[in-house]
Amino acid sequence: MSGSQRTVIPIEQNGGEPACRPPVPLKGQIDWGAGDPTGGRPPSPLSPCPSTDLDVVAADFDAWLAPIPGLVRRDPEHRYWLGAHLFPVSITGVLAAGKSSYALQRISSTQAIWGPRGTSCHLALELALKARRPAASGPARPAPHAASSEESFHDYREWIAPLLHHPRWDQVLVIAAERPTCCLIRNVAGTYDTAYLDPALPIPEGRPEGITGPARVLADLKTLSGSGRTYCTRAQIGGYMALEWSQGQWFDYGQTIWCQPGCTFFSAPTTRGDCLSAWAAAWTLYAARVRPF
C-alpha cells in the first residue's frame, strides 16, 4: 500500500487514544489507512464509491445477504417485529443493562450532539454501500426527516467524506448494510452497520462445515468528536454475530469503524471468539437482572 497512508493502531494497544493520533508502525499490522484521500472533497452519499476488482467477483454471484423474511424495524421507536412477534429487547438494550446510572445519564445528556451526527453518518454509509452492489439491493430504509438529509450530510461532511472514500472499501466486498437480524431463542433483535468479505485476512480454524470463501467480517460504525476516545465494542459485535448465526450466517471477525472529523480509522480485526465471549458476559448480566427465571 502507499507509504502516505497511516498505520492503524489496534484499540488494545493504543489505550483508548483518539482514532486519528499520529501513526506508530506495528510489526505485522495490516495498513488500512486513515485520513481523507479526497483532500477534503465532500462526496455525495447518493453516489457509489469507486469500483474494485472485487466487484468483478461479485458480478458472477450475488453475495449480498438476503433479508430475514418478515423481520422489520419500526422507527422512531426502534422496535423490531417478526411478523406479529414483538421483540422485547435489542442488542443495545441488553448492553445498557451493564452500564452504570452515571454512564446512562452521560449518554442521554449528550444525545443531542451525537444523535444527529450518528444518524447522518450511518445513513450516508448505508446509501453508499448499497450503491456499490452490482445488483439492486432495494431502497435504503426511509430516513427520518428525509427532506433535510442532504443538509444533514453537508453539516457532517467532515465525518462523511473520509468515511465514504476510505481505501478500505476498495479492498473488501460488502455483503450487508444496515441489516436487521434476530434470534427467537434469546428473543433479541438488532441492526448492524455492515459486513464484508476480506480476501486479505487469514481464514481462522474452527469454521463449520459448509462455510467457505474469504474471511467474513461484521463491522460496526462509531462516530466520535474531534477529541473523542475509542472504547470496547466487542460485546456489541459479538451480539450481532450470535444473532446472525441463529440465522445461518457465520462471521470470522469483528471490526469497528471509527469516524472522526477529517479521518476514518478501522480497528484491527477482533476474533469471533473474543467477540462472543464479551457478548456472553453482557448477556449473562442482562439475564440475571432482567430475566431471573
Protein backbone atom coordinates (compact mmCIF):
# COMPACT_ATOMS: atom_id res chain seq x y z
CA MET A 1 0.00 0.00 0.00
CA SER A 2 1.01 3.62 -0.41
CA GLY A 3 3.53 4.92 2.08
CA SER A 4 1.42 8.04 2.50
CA GLN A 5 -1.32 6.10 4.26
CA ARG A 6 -1.34 5.83 8.03
CA THR A 7 -0.77 2.73 10.07
CA VAL A 8 -3.73 1.55 12.10
CA ILE A 9 -3.19 1.22 15.85
CA PRO A 10 -5.31 -1.56 17.38
CA ILE A 11 -7.57 -0.39 20.21
CA GLU A 12 -5.95 -2.84 22.58
CA GLN A 13 -2.57 -1.17 22.03
CA ASN A 14 -3.48 2.49 21.82
CA GLY A 15 -5.02 2.65 25.28
CA GLY A 16 -8.15 4.41 24.03
CA GLU A 17 -6.37 7.30 22.36
CA PRO A 18 -8.28 9.27 19.71
CA ALA A 19 -8.51 7.32 16.48
CA CYS A 20 -6.52 9.76 14.38
CA ARG A 21 -3.41 10.05 16.50
CA PRO A 22 -0.05 10.06 14.67
CA PRO A 23 0.81 6.65 13.21
CA VAL A 24 3.06 4.26 15.07
CA PRO A 25 4.26 1.33 12.91
CA LEU A 26 3.45 -2.06 14.37
CA LYS A 27 5.13 -5.22 13.17
CA GLY A 28 2.76 -7.37 11.14
CA GLN A 29 -0.08 -4.83 11.31
CA ILE A 30 -2.24 -4.57 8.22
CA ASP A 31 -2.26 -0.97 6.98
CA TRP A 32 -5.82 0.13 6.30
CA GLY A 33 -5.05 3.81 6.25
CA ALA A 34 -6.68 6.79 7.85
CA GLY A 35 -7.45 10.29 6.74
CA ASP A 36 -9.23 11.68 3.73
CA PRO A 37 -7.73 10.66 0.36
CA THR A 38 -10.12 13.08 -1.35
CA GLY A 39 -8.30 16.08 0.12
CA GLY A 40 -11.47 17.28 1.82
CA ARG A 41 -13.72 16.99 -1.21
CA PRO A 42 -17.25 16.38 0.14
CA PRO A 43 -18.74 13.35 -1.68
CA SER A 44 -22.38 12.75 -2.42
CA PRO A 45 -23.57 9.84 -0.28
CA LEU A 46 -26.02 9.03 -3.06
CA SER A 47 -23.20 8.21 -5.47
CA PRO A 48 -21.38 4.85 -5.49
CA CYS A 49 -17.83 4.64 -4.25
CA PRO A 50 -15.15 3.69 -6.78
CA SER A 51 -15.44 0.17 -8.21
CA THR A 52 -12.93 -2.53 -7.30
CA ASP A 53 -11.59 -5.83 -8.56
CA LEU A 54 -13.88 -7.48 -6.04
CA ASP A 55 -16.83 -6.05 -7.95
CA VAL A 56 -15.88 -8.32 -10.83
CA VAL A 57 -16.17 -11.30 -8.49
CA ALA A 58 -19.49 -10.03 -7.21
CA ALA A 59 -20.81 -9.76 -10.76
CA ASP A 60 -20.64 -13.55 -11.03
CA PHE A 61 -22.85 -14.11 -7.98
CA ASP A 62 -24.90 -12.03 -5.60
CA ALA A 63 -23.13 -12.29 -2.25
CA TRP A 64 -25.45 -9.79 -0.58
CA LEU A 65 -27.21 -11.34 2.41
CA ALA A 66 -30.91 -11.92 1.82
CA PRO A 67 -33.27 -10.16 4.25
CA ILE A 68 -34.81 -12.25 7.03
CA PRO A 69 -38.41 -12.82 5.88
CA GLY A 70 -40.92 -10.90 7.96
CA LEU A 71 -38.38 -9.03 10.11
CA VAL A 72 -38.92 -5.26 10.22
CA ARG A 73 -37.61 -2.42 12.34
CA ARG A 74 -40.07 0.33 13.12
CA ASP A 75 -38.68 3.78 13.76
CA PRO A 76 -38.50 6.16 15.54
CA GLU A 77 -39.36 3.84 18.44
CA HIS A 78 -36.65 1.43 17.21
CA ARG A 79 -38.69 -1.72 17.84
CA TYR A 80 -38.36 -4.99 15.97
CA TRP A 81 -41.15 -7.22 14.74
CA LEU A 82 -41.02 -10.67 13.14
CA GLY A 83 -44.47 -10.99 11.69
CA ALA A 84 -46.77 -10.48 14.69
CA HIS A 85 -43.97 -11.10 17.21
CA LEU A 86 -42.54 -8.06 19.01
CA PHE A 87 -39.02 -8.50 20.35
CA PRO A 88 -38.80 -7.18 23.92
CA VAL A 89 -35.19 -6.01 23.68
CA SER A 90 -32.46 -5.14 21.20
CA ILE A 91 -28.70 -5.64 21.40
CA THR A 92 -28.43 -2.03 22.59
CA GLY A 93 -30.93 -2.72 25.36
CA VAL A 94 -29.01 -5.77 26.54
CA LEU A 95 -25.77 -3.81 26.74
CA ALA A 96 -27.46 -0.93 28.57
CA ALA A 97 -28.18 -3.28 31.48
CA GLY A 98 -24.45 -3.42 32.18
CA LYS A 99 -23.94 0.35 32.27
CA SER A 100 -23.95 2.42 35.43
CA SER A 101 -26.61 5.07 36.05
CA TYR A 102 -23.89 7.70 35.63
CA ALA A 103 -22.89 6.31 32.23
CA LEU A 104 -26.50 6.18 31.06
CA GLN A 105 -27.05 9.76 32.24
CA ARG A 106 -23.96 10.91 30.34
CA ILE A 107 -25.17 9.19 27.17
CA SER A 108 -28.61 10.74 27.50
CA SER A 109 -27.32 14.23 28.25
CA THR A 110 -25.16 14.32 25.10
CA GLN A 111 -27.63 12.65 22.74
CA ALA A 112 -28.47 15.97 21.08
CA ILE A 113 -24.84 16.08 19.92
CA TRP A 114 -24.04 12.50 18.91
CA GLY A 115 -27.56 11.53 17.82
CA PRO A 116 -27.91 13.68 14.64
CA ARG A 117 -24.24 13.08 13.79
CA GLY A 118 -24.58 9.32 14.09
CA THR A 119 -27.84 9.21 12.15
CA SER A 120 -26.40 11.23 9.25
CA CYS A 121 -23.15 9.26 9.03
CA HIS A 122 -24.89 5.89 9.25
CA LEU A 123 -27.40 6.81 6.57
CA ALA A 124 -24.67 8.18 4.28
CA LEU A 125 -22.67 4.96 4.63
CA GLU A 126 -25.75 2.80 4.07
CA LEU A 127 -26.64 4.61 0.85
CA ALA A 128 -23.07 4.50 -0.44
CA LEU A 129 -22.55 0.81 0.30
CA LYS A 130 -25.89 -0.23 -1.20
CA ALA A 131 -25.00 1.77 -4.32
CA ARG A 132 -21.89 -0.41 -4.72
CA ARG A 133 -23.89 -3.61 -5.05
CA PRO A 134 -23.80 -4.89 -8.65
CA ALA A 135 -27.44 -5.98 -8.41
CA ALA A 136 -30.06 -3.67 -6.97
CA SER A 137 -30.38 -4.26 -3.24
CA GLY A 138 -33.62 -2.39 -2.89
CA PRO A 139 -34.16 1.08 -1.48
CA ALA A 140 -32.47 2.16 1.70
CA ARG A 141 -34.68 2.49 4.76
CA PRO A 142 -36.56 5.80 4.85
CA ALA A 143 -34.59 8.42 6.71
CA PRO A 144 -36.22 10.49 9.46
CA HIS A 145 -36.83 13.98 8.11
CA ALA A 146 -35.75 12.76 4.67
CA ALA A 147 -36.22 16.22 3.19
CA SER A 148 -33.34 17.52 5.27
CA SER A 149 -30.99 14.55 4.67
CA GLU A 150 -28.78 16.35 2.17
CA GLU A 151 -28.49 19.28 4.56
CA SER A 152 -27.51 16.87 7.34
CA PHE A 153 -24.90 15.29 5.09
CA HIS A 154 -23.46 18.73 4.46
CA ASP A 155 -23.42 19.54 8.17
CA TYR A 156 -21.33 16.43 8.86
CA ARG A 157 -19.26 16.39 5.68
CA GLU A 158 -16.02 16.38 7.71
CA TRP A 159 -17.04 12.96 9.05
CA ILE A 160 -18.73 11.62 5.91
CA ALA A 161 -16.11 12.46 3.26
CA PRO A 162 -13.25 10.38 4.70
CA LEU A 163 -15.68 7.60 5.68
CA LEU A 164 -17.03 7.07 2.18
CA HIS A 165 -13.71 7.49 0.39
CA HIS A 166 -11.58 5.37 2.67
CA PRO A 167 -9.43 2.94 0.64
CA ARG A 168 -10.60 0.03 2.78
CA TRP A 169 -13.82 -0.12 0.76
CA ASP A 170 -11.75 -0.98 -2.32
CA GLN A 171 -10.23 -3.98 -0.51
CA VAL A 172 -13.42 -5.76 0.54
CA LEU A 173 -16.68 -7.00 -0.94
CA VAL A 174 -19.61 -5.58 1.02
CA ILE A 175 -22.41 -8.09 1.63
CA ALA A 176 -24.68 -6.15 4.02
CA ALA A 177 -25.53 -2.61 5.09
CA GLU A 178 -27.84 -1.65 7.98
CA ARG A 179 -29.01 -5.26 8.25
CA PRO A 180 -31.70 -6.14 10.81
CA THR A 181 -31.27 -9.57 12.40
CA CYS A 182 -32.78 -11.53 15.26
CA CYS A 183 -32.74 -14.64 17.44
CA LEU A 184 -36.01 -16.19 18.61
CA ILE A 185 -34.25 -18.40 21.15
CA ARG A 186 -32.97 -15.44 23.19
CA ASN A 187 -35.79 -13.19 21.93
CA VAL A 188 -33.41 -10.40 20.85
CA ALA A 189 -33.10 -8.35 17.67
CA GLY A 190 -30.81 -5.64 16.37
CA THR A 191 -29.29 -3.95 13.33
CA TYR A 192 -25.61 -3.93 12.47
CA ASP A 193 -23.96 -1.46 10.16
CA THR A 194 -22.14 -3.51 7.56
CA ALA A 195 -20.46 -6.81 6.71
CA TYR A 196 -17.94 -7.70 4.05
CA LEU A 197 -15.66 -10.37 2.63
CA ASP A 198 -11.94 -9.70 3.02
CA PRO A 199 -9.62 -11.91 0.96
CA ALA A 200 -6.54 -10.45 2.71
CA LEU A 201 -7.42 -11.81 6.15
CA PRO A 202 -6.43 -15.37 7.10
CA ILE A 203 -9.16 -17.97 7.45
CA PRO A 204 -9.30 -18.93 11.14
CA GLU A 205 -9.61 -22.51 12.30
CA GLY A 206 -12.94 -23.79 13.50
CA ARG A 207 -15.20 -22.79 10.64
CA PRO A 208 -18.30 -25.03 10.47
CA GLU A 209 -18.72 -27.34 7.54
CA GLY A 210 -20.18 -25.53 4.56
CA ILE A 211 -18.70 -22.11 5.38
CA THR A 212 -16.31 -21.29 2.54
CA GLY A 213 -14.79 -18.33 0.73
CA PRO A 214 -12.86 -15.29 2.00
CA ALA A 215 -12.85 -14.19 5.61
CA ARG A 216 -16.21 -12.80 6.69
CA VAL A 217 -16.19 -9.61 8.77
CA LEU A 218 -19.06 -7.98 10.69
CA ALA A 219 -18.39 -4.30 11.33
CA ASP A 220 -19.90 -1.55 13.42
CA LEU A 221 -19.64 2.18 12.72
CA LYS A 222 -18.98 4.62 15.56
CA THR A 223 -18.75 8.39 15.22
CA LEU A 224 -16.56 10.48 17.52
CA SER A 225 -15.94 14.14 18.13
CA GLY A 226 -12.54 15.51 17.26
CA SER A 227 -11.33 14.75 20.79
CA GLY A 228 -13.35 11.56 21.22
CA ARG A 229 -11.76 8.38 22.51
CA THR A 230 -12.28 4.83 21.30
CA TYR A 231 -13.86 2.19 23.52
CA CYS A 232 -14.52 -1.54 23.54
CA THR A 233 -17.20 -2.73 21.11
CA ARG A 234 -16.59 -6.49 21.27
CA ALA A 235 -19.79 -7.29 23.18
CA GLN A 236 -21.97 -5.43 20.70
CA ILE A 237 -20.34 -7.04 17.68
CA GLY A 238 -20.47 -10.43 19.38
CA GLY A 239 -24.19 -9.98 19.95
CA TYR A 240 -24.79 -9.44 16.27
CA MET A 241 -22.63 -12.47 15.46
CA ALA A 242 -24.74 -14.61 17.80
CA LEU A 243 -27.99 -13.38 16.25
CA GLU A 244 -26.71 -13.95 12.75
CA TRP A 245 -25.52 -17.48 13.47
CA SER A 246 -29.06 -18.32 14.58
CA GLN A 247 -29.99 -17.28 11.02
CA GLY A 248 -27.22 -19.40 9.50
CA GLN A 249 -24.80 -16.53 8.83
CA TRP A 250 -21.22 -17.01 10.05
CA PHE A 251 -18.63 -14.30 10.67
CA ASP A 252 -14.93 -14.88 11.33
CA TYR A 253 -14.00 -11.42 12.62
CA GLY A 254 -15.42 -8.25 14.07
CA GLN A 255 -14.17 -4.78 13.20
CA THR A 256 -15.02 -1.26 14.35
CA ILE A 257 -15.05 1.73 12.02
CA TRP A 258 -14.16 4.89 13.95
CA CYS A 259 -15.26 8.06 12.19
CA GLN A 260 -13.96 11.46 13.30
CA PRO A 261 -13.90 14.86 11.59
CA GLY A 262 -11.16 14.66 8.97
CA CYS A 263 -10.39 10.94 9.17
CA THR A 264 -11.75 7.41 9.42
CA PHE A 265 -9.99 4.62 11.30
CA PHE A 266 -10.58 0.86 11.00
CA SER A 267 -9.68 -1.09 14.13
CA ALA A 268 -7.64 -4.25 13.98
CA PRO A 269 -9.92 -7.27 13.41
CA THR A 270 -11.16 -8.98 16.56
CA THR A 271 -11.58 -12.74 16.57
CA ARG A 272 -15.01 -14.31 16.67
CA GLY A 273 -14.19 -15.99 19.95
CA ASP A 274 -13.26 -12.72 21.67
CA CYS A 275 -16.45 -11.03 20.44
CA LEU A 276 -18.70 -13.91 21.51
CA SER A 277 -17.03 -14.12 24.93
CA ALA A 278 -17.70 -10.43 25.54
CA TRP A 279 -21.30 -10.86 24.39
CA ALA A 280 -21.78 -13.89 26.65
CA ALA A 281 -20.68 -11.83 29.65
CA ALA A 282 -23.05 -8.99 28.74
CA TRP A 283 -25.94 -11.40 28.15
CA THR A 284 -25.35 -13.19 31.46
CA LEU A 285 -25.51 -9.88 33.33
CA TYR A 286 -28.65 -8.80 31.48
CA ALA A 287 -30.40 -12.14 32.02
CA ALA A 288 -29.60 -12.10 35.74
CA ARG A 289 -31.06 -8.61 36.15
CA VAL A 290 -33.99 -8.68 33.75
CA ARG A 291 -34.82 -12.36 33.20
CA PRO A 292 -34.06 -14.08 36.52
CA PHE A 293 -36.14 -17.18 35.74
